[in-house]
Amino acid sequence: MEKNWINIFSSTDFVYVEILKHILFDNNIQAVSINQKDSSYLMFGTIDVYVKAEQEKFARELIEKQKNERNT
């Protein structure tokens, strides 16, 4: 992966990660996920979401907004 990508979110919930990636894509933010979960023991590891460094601030704001909406 290129050097200018930043990990902005990690989770064990694959579906939630895909929802966040969709929200980021809808706002013209390139995002990729890397599944670090152990293939034998799915309870170990995380799925990490990366965005380009120049899009980090806006991406974090969108994720925070989504978290707040999810908790209400």
Protein backbone atom coordinates (compact mmCIF):
# COMPACT_ATOMS: atom_id res chain seq x y z
CA MET A 1 0.00 0.00 0.00
CA GLU A 2 1.19 3.50 -0.76
CA LYS A 3 2.66 5.56 2.06
CA ASN A 4 0.01 8.28 2.07
CA TRP A 5 -2.83 6.02 3.33
CA ILE A 6 -3.94 6.38 6.97
CA ASN A 7 -5.81 3.88 9.14
CA ILE A 8 -8.88 5.78 10.36
CA PHE A 9 -11.06 2.99 11.73
CA SER A 10 -10.79 -0.60 12.98
CA SER A 11 -13.54 -3.02 13.90
CA THR A 12 -14.37 -6.69 14.13
CA ASP A 13 -17.79 -6.06 12.53
CA PHE A 14 -17.46 -6.66 8.78
CA VAL A 15 -20.93 -5.31 7.98
CA TYR A 16 -20.36 -2.04 9.86
CA VAL A 17 -17.03 -1.55 8.08
CA GLU A 18 -18.76 -1.98 4.72
CA ILE A 19 -21.44 0.55 5.73
CA LEU A 20 -18.73 3.06 6.66
CA LYS A 21 -16.89 2.47 3.39
CA HIS A 22 -20.12 3.07 1.49
CA ILE A 23 -20.68 6.37 3.36
CA LEU A 24 -17.12 7.44 2.55
CA PHE A 25 -17.50 6.52 -1.14
CA ASP A 26 -20.79 8.46 -1.28
CA ASN A 27 -18.82 11.51 -0.12
CA ASN A 28 -16.08 11.05 -2.75
CA ILE A 29 -13.52 9.62 -0.33
CA GLN A 30 -11.45 6.69 -1.51
CA ALA A 31 -11.43 4.02 1.17
CA VAL A 32 -10.06 0.51 1.34
CA SER A 33 -10.43 -2.13 4.00
CA ILE A 34 -7.86 -4.70 4.97
CA ASN A 35 -9.12 -7.76 6.77
CA GLN A 36 -6.64 -8.71 9.50
CA LYS A 37 -8.94 -11.32 11.03
CA ASP A 38 -7.50 -14.76 11.58
CA SER A 39 -9.06 -17.13 9.05
CA SER A 40 -9.21 -20.00 11.54
CA TYR A 41 -10.34 -18.07 14.61
CA LEU A 42 -12.57 -15.21 13.51
CA MET A 43 -12.66 -13.75 17.01
CA PHE A 44 -9.04 -12.57 16.62
CA GLY A 45 -8.03 -9.57 14.57
CA THR A 46 -9.73 -6.55 13.05
CA ILE A 47 -10.80 -5.08 9.76
CA ASP A 48 -9.01 -1.79 9.16
CA VAL A 49 -10.26 1.09 7.00
CA TYR A 50 -7.71 3.29 5.25
CA VAL A 51 -8.12 6.60 3.43
CA LYS A 52 -5.68 8.92 1.71
CA ALA A 53 -3.97 11.32 4.11
CA GLU A 54 -5.45 14.42 2.49
CA GLN A 55 -8.98 13.07 3.07
CA GLU A 56 -8.41 11.99 6.68
CA LYS A 57 -10.08 14.92 8.46
CA PHE A 58 -13.33 14.78 6.46
CA ALA A 59 -13.41 10.97 6.69
CA ARG A 60 -13.06 11.07 10.49
CA GLU A 61 -15.87 13.64 10.70
CA LEU A 62 -18.16 11.40 8.63
CA ILE A 63 -17.34 8.35 10.74
CA GLU A 64 -17.95 10.26 13.97
CA LYS A 65 -21.30 11.49 12.63
CA GLN A 66 -22.26 7.92 11.70
CA LYS A 67 -21.28 6.63 15.16
CA ASN A 68 -23.42 9.31 16.82
CA GLU A 69 -26.41 8.49 14.62
CA ARG A 70 -25.97 4.79 15.32
CA ASN A 71 -26.00 5.37 19.10
CA THR A 72 -29.19 7.43 19.13
